[in-house]
Amino acid sequence: MLLEYITRKPSKPSTGKAPLIILLHGYGSNEEDLFSFAEEIPEEYFIVSAKAPIAMQPYGNAWYHITIDGDGVKTSDNDGARESRDIIARFIDEIVAEYDVDKHNVTLLGFSQGTILSYAVALTYPEKIKNVIGLSGYINEEIIDLKSSPSYAHLNIYNSHGTVDQVIPIDAARKTPGYLKNIGIESTLSEFPVGHGVHPTNFYEFKEWLQSK
């Protein structure tokens, strides 16, 4: 396998192959972090929580490097991000081949850097993804290879963000619905009164959203 990961198998039988949800954690975290969301995800889902490939010191992992200069300006390694984007796309194929899951019902759930990559994977490889749940992230156009608008007709995207997020300002997330609308995807942004994290109400909202899709 391209990535290390942990799983939760469906506890509720589904007809046919199980829908798949892949969790992509944020910068400096690991596969255990978002796995705590499992209890908020419908029981019929097969859950895979992936571990980013770049080991950080003293602990944690990243999907790509972020540097901050002396003036506090943050720069992302877009080449590294594109590499991780492609690794995740191939990883999806590996999981679909390994387990009894539905390749036509794949959801990406990301947080922060994991959300940025979830958008990049879904918009670059739309044939692999059905739903995206993007928490506390934004669209990085530099790491997306856009397809023609009809390629996105089946995609469903949920976005949420904290209004007092000091890591990724809310203004970055507020650009997401407009960007998506321009390529034919209707999406709204749910805002919650938190920082760089997930508000308790957020869990119930994205769970209901996912069940509706």
C-alpha atoms as a PDB file:
ATOM      1  CA  MET A   1       0.000   0.000   0.000  1.00  0.00           C
ATOM      2  CA  LEU A   2       1.140   3.533  -0.767  1.00  0.00           C
ATOM      3  CA  LEU A   3       0.017   4.839   2.643  1.00  0.00           C
ATOM      4  CA  GLU A   4      -0.307   3.451   6.149  1.00  0.00           C
ATOM      5  CA  TYR A   5      -3.880   3.408   7.392  1.00  0.00           C
ATOM      6  CA  ILE A   6      -6.391   2.079   9.896  1.00  0.00           C
ATOM      7  CA  THR A   7      -9.932   0.876   9.167  1.00  0.00           C
ATOM      8  CA  ARG A   8     -13.412   0.475  10.587  1.00  0.00           C
ATOM      9  CA  LYS A   9     -15.494  -2.136   8.850  1.00  0.00           C
ATOM     10  CA  PRO A  10     -19.244  -1.590   8.468  1.00  0.00           C
ATOM     11  CA  SER A  11     -21.251  -2.706  11.492  1.00  0.00           C
ATOM     12  CA  LYS A  12     -24.532  -2.341   9.640  1.00  0.00           C
ATOM     13  CA  PRO A  13     -24.912  -4.550   6.572  1.00  0.00           C
ATOM     14  CA  SER A  14     -25.575  -2.772   3.303  1.00  0.00           C
ATOM     15  CA  THR A  15     -26.979  -4.191   0.112  1.00  0.00           C
ATOM     16  CA  GLY A  16     -24.081  -4.852  -2.224  1.00  0.00           C
ATOM     17  CA  LYS A  17     -20.675  -3.299  -1.715  1.00  0.00           C
ATOM     18  CA  ALA A  18     -20.143  -0.896   1.195  1.00  0.00           C
ATOM     19  CA  PRO A  19     -19.754   2.844   0.600  1.00  0.00           C
ATOM     20  CA  LEU A  20     -16.209   3.988   1.349  1.00  0.00           C
ATOM     21  CA  ILE A  21     -15.065   7.034   3.291  1.00  0.00           C
ATOM     22  CA  ILE A  22     -11.394   8.019   3.458  1.00  0.00           C
ATOM     23  CA  LEU A  23     -10.234  10.350   6.240  1.00  0.00           C
ATOM     24  CA  LEU A  24      -7.339  12.732   5.508  1.00  0.00           C
ATOM     25  CA  HIS A  25      -5.878  14.405   8.578  1.00  0.00           C
ATOM     26  CA  GLY A  26      -4.292  17.828   8.909  1.00  0.00           C
ATOM     27  CA  TYR A  27      -0.695  19.079   9.087  1.00  0.00           C
ATOM     28  CA  GLY A  28       1.247  17.669  12.027  1.00  0.00           C
ATOM     29  CA  SER A  29      -1.355  15.060  12.944  1.00  0.00           C
ATOM     30  CA  ASN A  30      -1.785  11.368  12.126  1.00  0.00           C
ATOM     31  CA  GLU A  31      -4.300   8.707  11.167  1.00  0.00           C
ATOM     32  CA  GLU A  32      -5.624   8.373  14.740  1.00  0.00           C
ATOM     33  CA  ASP A  33      -6.867  11.971  14.833  1.00  0.00           C
ATOM     34  CA  LEU A  34      -9.855  11.930  12.477  1.00  0.00           C
ATOM     35  CA  PHE A  35     -10.555   8.305  13.356  1.00  0.00           C
ATOM     36  CA  SER A  36     -12.329   9.704  16.412  1.00  0.00           C
ATOM     37  CA  PHE A  37     -14.973  10.928  13.937  1.00  0.00           C
ATOM     38  CA  ALA A  38     -15.898   7.320  13.161  1.00  0.00           C
ATOM     39  CA  GLU A  39     -18.798   7.270  15.630  1.00  0.00           C
ATOM     40  CA  GLU A  40     -20.362  10.199  13.745  1.00  0.00           C
ATOM     41  CA  ILE A  41     -20.184   8.374  10.404  1.00  0.00           C
ATOM     42  CA  PRO A  42     -23.102   6.126   9.381  1.00  0.00           C
ATOM     43  CA  GLU A  43     -22.534   2.482  10.320  1.00  0.00           C
ATOM     44  CA  GLU A  44     -22.837   1.168   6.772  1.00  0.00           C
ATOM     45  CA  TYR A  45     -19.630   2.971   5.709  1.00  0.00           C
ATOM     46  CA  PHE A  46     -16.264   1.262   5.412  1.00  0.00           C
ATOM     47  CA  ILE A  47     -13.866   3.806   6.940  1.00  0.00           C
ATOM     48  CA  VAL A  48     -10.191   4.185   6.062  1.00  0.00           C
ATOM     49  CA  SER A  49      -8.090   6.740   7.933  1.00  0.00           C
ATOM     50  CA  ALA A  50      -4.846   7.397   6.056  1.00  0.00           C
ATOM     51  CA  LYS A  51      -1.502   8.545   7.437  1.00  0.00           C
ATOM     52  CA  ALA A  52       0.306  11.307   5.543  1.00  0.00           C
ATOM     53  CA  PRO A  53       3.679  10.221   4.127  1.00  0.00           C
ATOM     54  CA  ILE A  54       5.980  12.936   5.534  1.00  0.00           C
ATOM     55  CA  ALA A  55       7.190  12.305   9.095  1.00  0.00           C
ATOM     56  CA  MET A  56       7.650  15.454  11.175  1.00  0.00           C
ATOM     57  CA  GLN A  57       9.762  16.063  14.256  1.00  0.00           C
ATOM     58  CA  PRO A  58       9.219  15.470  17.104  1.00  0.00           C
ATOM     59  CA  TYR A  59       5.934  13.828  16.048  1.00  0.00           C
ATOM     60  CA  GLY A  60       3.098  13.956  13.541  1.00  0.00           C
ATOM     61  CA  ASN A  61       2.902  13.765   9.776  1.00  0.00           C
ATOM     62  CA  ALA A  62       2.240  16.076   6.841  1.00  0.00           C
ATOM     63  CA  TRP A  63       0.961  15.708   3.299  1.00  0.00           C
ATOM     64  CA  TYR A  64       3.344  18.435   2.116  1.00  0.00           C
ATOM     65  CA  HIS A  65       5.722  20.952   3.648  1.00  0.00           C
ATOM     66  CA  ILE A  66       4.688  24.410   4.816  1.00  0.00           C
ATOM     67  CA  THR A  67       7.318  27.078   5.467  1.00  0.00           C
ATOM     68  CA  ILE A  68       6.994  30.416   7.275  1.00  0.00           C
ATOM     69  CA  ASP A  69       9.511  33.175   6.554  1.00  0.00           C
ATOM     70  CA  GLY A  70      10.787  35.878   8.910  1.00  0.00           C
ATOM     71  CA  ASP A  71       7.807  38.105   8.116  1.00  0.00           C
ATOM     72  CA  GLY A  72       5.343  35.364   8.993  1.00  0.00           C
ATOM     73  CA  VAL A  73       4.407  34.679   5.362  1.00  0.00           C
ATOM     74  CA  LYS A  74       3.305  31.075   4.909  1.00  0.00           C
ATOM     75  CA  THR A  75       4.269  29.158   1.755  1.00  0.00           C
ATOM     76  CA  SER A  76       3.031  25.729   0.742  1.00  0.00           C
ATOM     77  CA  ASP A  77       5.117  23.250  -1.240  1.00  0.00           C
ATOM     78  CA  ASN A  78       2.742  22.905  -4.186  1.00  0.00           C
ATOM     79  CA  ASP A  79       4.929  20.322  -5.928  1.00  0.00           C
ATOM     80  CA  GLY A  80       4.771  18.183  -2.809  1.00  0.00           C
ATOM     81  CA  ALA A  81       1.021  18.763  -2.554  1.00  0.00           C
ATOM     82  CA  ARG A  82       0.482  17.597  -6.128  1.00  0.00           C
ATOM     83  CA  GLU A  83       2.584  14.517  -5.397  1.00  0.00           C
ATOM     84  CA  SER A  84       0.427  13.683  -2.348  1.00  0.00           C
ATOM     85  CA  ARG A  85      -2.713  14.386  -4.403  1.00  0.00           C
ATOM     86  CA  ASP A  86      -1.654  11.721  -6.888  1.00  0.00           C
ATOM     87  CA  ILE A  87      -0.624   9.294  -4.140  1.00  0.00           C
ATOM     88  CA  ILE A  88      -4.088   9.599  -2.569  1.00  0.00           C
ATOM     89  CA  ALA A  89      -5.735   8.985  -5.953  1.00  0.00           C
ATOM     90  CA  ARG A  90      -3.716   5.786  -6.415  1.00  0.00           C
ATOM     91  CA  PHE A  91      -4.333   4.819  -2.789  1.00  0.00           C
ATOM     92  CA  ILE A  92      -8.081   4.943  -3.456  1.00  0.00           C
ATOM     93  CA  ASP A  93      -7.586   2.428  -6.273  1.00  0.00           C
ATOM     94  CA  GLU A  94      -5.616   0.170  -3.921  1.00  0.00           C
ATOM     95  CA  ILE A  95      -8.327   0.258  -1.253  1.00  0.00           C
ATOM     96  CA  VAL A  96     -11.062  -0.456  -3.806  1.00  0.00           C
ATOM     97  CA  ALA A  97      -9.065  -3.449  -5.078  1.00  0.00           C
ATOM     98  CA  GLU A  98      -8.303  -4.738  -1.557  1.00  0.00           C
ATOM     99  CA  TYR A  99     -11.718  -4.470   0.093  1.00  0.00           C
ATOM    100  CA  ASP A 100     -15.350  -5.127  -0.780  1.00  0.00           C
ATOM    101  CA  VAL A 101     -16.259  -1.456  -1.245  1.00  0.00           C
ATOM    102  CA  ASP A 102     -18.190   0.472  -3.875  1.00  0.00           C
ATOM    103  CA  LYS A 103     -15.831   2.371  -6.177  1.00  0.00           C
ATOM    104  CA  HIS A 104     -18.771   4.517  -7.282  1.00  0.00           C
ATOM    105  CA  ASN A 105     -19.512   5.663  -3.723  1.00  0.00           C
ATOM    106  CA  VAL A 106     -16.269   7.107  -2.369  1.00  0.00           C
ATOM    107  CA  THR A 107     -16.274  10.033   0.073  1.00  0.00           C
ATOM    108  CA  LEU A 108     -13.223  12.041   1.141  1.00  0.00           C
ATOM    109  CA  LEU A 109     -13.394  13.678   4.566  1.00  0.00           C
ATOM    110  CA  GLY A 110     -10.526  16.030   5.251  1.00  0.00           C
ATOM    111  CA  PHE A 111      -9.429  18.501   7.886  1.00  0.00           C
ATOM    112  CA  SER A 112      -7.226  21.521   7.086  1.00  0.00           C
ATOM    113  CA  GLN A 113      -4.377  20.252   4.853  1.00  0.00           C
ATOM    114  CA  GLY A 114      -6.420  17.084   4.365  1.00  0.00           C
ATOM    115  CA  THR A 115      -9.330  19.204   3.109  1.00  0.00           C
ATOM    116  CA  ILE A 116      -7.123  21.094   0.664  1.00  0.00           C
ATOM    117  CA  LEU A 117      -6.017  17.760  -0.771  1.00  0.00           C
ATOM    118  CA  SER A 118      -9.558  16.337  -0.731  1.00  0.00           C
ATOM    119  CA  TYR A 119     -10.638  19.179  -3.022  1.00  0.00           C
ATOM    120  CA  ALA A 120      -7.570  18.668  -5.210  1.00  0.00           C
ATOM    121  CA  VAL A 121      -8.160  14.917  -5.573  1.00  0.00           C
ATOM    122  CA  ALA A 122     -11.891  15.287  -6.267  1.00  0.00           C
ATOM    123  CA  LEU A 123     -11.465  18.041  -8.854  1.00  0.00           C
ATOM    124  CA  THR A 124      -8.454  16.458 -10.570  1.00  0.00           C
ATOM    125  CA  TYR A 125      -9.816  12.891 -10.470  1.00  0.00           C
ATOM    126  CA  PRO A 126     -13.604  13.383 -10.346  1.00  0.00           C
ATOM    127  CA  GLU A 127     -14.239   9.884 -11.683  1.00  0.00           C
ATOM    128  CA  LYS A 128     -12.921   8.450  -8.384  1.00  0.00           C
ATOM    129  CA  ILE A 129     -14.987  10.546  -5.953  1.00  0.00           C
ATOM    130  CA  LYS A 130     -18.686  11.008  -5.173  1.00  0.00           C
ATOM    131  CA  ASN A 131     -18.661  13.221  -2.042  1.00  0.00           C
ATOM    132  CA  VAL A 132     -16.263  15.551  -0.252  1.00  0.00           C
ATOM    133  CA  ILE A 133     -16.591  16.768   3.330  1.00  0.00           C
ATOM    134  CA  GLY A 134     -14.169  19.670   3.689  1.00  0.00           C
ATOM    135  CA  LEU A 135     -13.522  20.882   7.250  1.00  0.00           C
ATOM    136  CA  SER A 136     -11.405  23.994   7.926  1.00  0.00           C
ATOM    137  CA  GLY A 137      -9.720  24.113   4.525  1.00  0.00           C
ATOM    138  CA  TYR A 138      -9.787  25.973   1.214  1.00  0.00           C
ATOM    139  CA  ILE A 139      -9.288  25.570  -2.522  1.00  0.00           C
ATOM    140  CA  ASN A 140      -5.658  25.770  -3.683  1.00  0.00           C
ATOM    141  CA  GLU A 141      -6.006  26.294  -7.434  1.00  0.00           C
ATOM    142  CA  GLU A 142      -2.287  25.654  -7.949  1.00  0.00           C
ATOM    143  CA  ILE A 143      -2.656  21.952  -7.151  1.00  0.00           C
ATOM    144  CA  ILE A 144      -5.815  21.246  -9.173  1.00  0.00           C
ATOM    145  CA  ASP A 145      -5.922  20.088 -12.802  1.00  0.00           C
ATOM    146  CA  LEU A 146      -9.455  21.084 -13.784  1.00  0.00           C
ATOM    147  CA  LYS A 147     -11.569  18.975 -16.107  1.00  0.00           C
ATOM    148  CA  SER A 148     -14.554  20.074 -18.197  1.00  0.00           C
ATOM    149  CA  SER A 149     -17.624  21.037 -16.163  1.00  0.00           C
ATOM    150  CA  PRO A 150     -19.684  17.935 -17.070  1.00  0.00           C
ATOM    151  CA  SER A 151     -17.073  15.834 -15.242  1.00  0.00           C
ATOM    152  CA  TYR A 152     -18.330  17.298 -11.953  1.00  0.00           C
ATOM    153  CA  ALA A 153     -22.079  16.763 -12.398  1.00  0.00           C
ATOM    154  CA  HIS A 154     -22.121  13.905  -9.851  1.00  0.00           C
ATOM    155  CA  LEU A 155     -19.927  15.547  -7.193  1.00  0.00           C
ATOM    156  CA  ASN A 156     -21.359  16.665  -3.849  1.00  0.00           C
ATOM    157  CA  ILE A 157     -19.248  18.942  -1.635  1.00  0.00           C
ATOM    158  CA  TYR A 158     -19.853  20.004   1.960  1.00  0.00           C
ATOM    159  CA  ASN A 159     -17.740  22.852   3.380  1.00  0.00           C
ATOM    160  CA  SER A 160     -17.449  24.162   6.923  1.00  0.00           C
ATOM    161  CA  HIS A 161     -15.116  26.552   8.703  1.00  0.00           C
ATOM    162  CA  GLY A 162     -14.591  28.352  11.988  1.00  0.00           C
ATOM    163  CA  THR A 163     -15.291  32.095  11.961  1.00  0.00           C
ATOM    164  CA  VAL A 164     -12.322  32.791  14.274  1.00  0.00           C
ATOM    165  CA  ASP A 165      -9.847  30.400  12.633  1.00  0.00           C
ATOM    166  CA  GLN A 166      -6.361  31.923  12.978  1.00  0.00           C
ATOM    167  CA  VAL A 167      -4.595  29.173  11.010  1.00  0.00           C
ATOM    168  CA  ILE A 168      -6.702  29.385   7.838  1.00  0.00           C
ATOM    169  CA  PRO A 169      -8.754  32.609   7.873  1.00  0.00           C
ATOM    170  CA  ILE A 170     -12.470  32.307   7.145  1.00  0.00           C
ATOM    171  CA  ASP A 171     -12.051  34.577   4.095  1.00  0.00           C
ATOM    172  CA  ALA A 172     -10.100  31.819   2.324  1.00  0.00           C
ATOM    173  CA  ALA A 173     -12.932  29.340   2.893  1.00  0.00           C
ATOM    174  CA  ARG A 174     -15.591  31.834   1.794  1.00  0.00           C
ATOM    175  CA  LYS A 175     -14.126  31.755  -1.721  1.00  0.00           C
ATOM    176  CA  THR A 176     -14.833  28.026  -2.062  1.00  0.00           C
ATOM    177  CA  PRO A 177     -18.574  28.091  -2.986  1.00  0.00           C
ATOM    178  CA  GLY A 178     -17.982  30.659  -5.758  1.00  0.00           C
ATOM    179  CA  TYR A 179     -15.081  28.660  -7.188  1.00  0.00           C
ATOM    180  CA  LEU A 180     -17.162  25.489  -7.183  1.00  0.00           C
ATOM    181  CA  LYS A 181     -20.181  27.210  -8.734  1.00  0.00           C
ATOM    182  CA  ASN A 182     -18.011  28.340 -11.655  1.00  0.00           C
ATOM    183  CA  ILE A 183     -17.273  24.698 -12.483  1.00  0.00           C
ATOM    184  CA  GLY A 184     -20.847  23.525 -12.044  1.00  0.00           C
ATOM    185  CA  ILE A 185     -20.940  22.393  -8.402  1.00  0.00           C
ATOM    186  CA  GLU A 186     -23.533  23.919  -6.071  1.00  0.00           C
ATOM    187  CA  SER A 187     -22.171  24.185  -2.544  1.00  0.00           C
ATOM    188  CA  THR A 188     -22.650  26.342   0.532  1.00  0.00           C
ATOM    189  CA  LEU A 189     -20.288  27.126   3.415  1.00  0.00           C
ATOM    190  CA  SER A 190     -21.373  26.358   6.983  1.00  0.00           C
ATOM    191  CA  GLU A 191     -19.743  28.704   9.484  1.00  0.00           C
ATOM    192  CA  PHE A 192     -19.310  27.931  13.170  1.00  0.00           C
ATOM    193  CA  PRO A 193     -18.044  30.097  16.069  1.00  0.00           C
ATOM    194  CA  VAL A 194     -14.783  28.217  16.583  1.00  0.00           C
ATOM    195  CA  GLY A 195     -11.107  28.494  15.714  1.00  0.00           C
ATOM    196  CA  HIS A 196      -9.138  25.893  13.774  1.00  0.00           C
ATOM    197  CA  GLY A 197     -11.278  22.972  14.857  1.00  0.00           C
ATOM    198  CA  VAL A 198     -14.646  21.288  14.508  1.00  0.00           C
ATOM    199  CA  HIS A 199     -17.689  22.612  16.374  1.00  0.00           C
ATOM    200  CA  PRO A 200     -19.849  19.863  17.997  1.00  0.00           C
ATOM    201  CA  THR A 201     -22.860  20.878  15.888  1.00  0.00           C
ATOM    202  CA  ASN A 202     -20.673  20.441  12.816  1.00  0.00           C
ATOM    203  CA  PHE A 203     -20.586  16.670  13.345  1.00  0.00           C
ATOM    204  CA  TYR A 204     -24.352  16.349  13.262  1.00  0.00           C
ATOM    205  CA  GLU A 205     -24.633  18.598  10.225  1.00  0.00           C
ATOM    206  CA  PHE A 206     -22.157  16.744   8.036  1.00  0.00           C
ATOM    207  CA  LYS A 207     -23.571  13.401   9.211  1.00  0.00           C
ATOM    208  CA  GLU A 208     -27.053  14.433   8.064  1.00  0.00           C
ATOM    209  CA  TRP A 209     -25.585  15.800   4.836  1.00  0.00           C
ATOM    210  CA  LEU A 210     -23.772  12.524   4.160  1.00  0.00           C
ATOM    211  CA  GLN A 211     -26.892  10.452   4.820  1.00  0.00           C
ATOM    212  CA  SER A 212     -28.788  12.599   2.319  1.00  0.00           C
ATOM    213  CA  LYS A 213     -26.217  11.828  -0.397  1.00  0.00           C
END
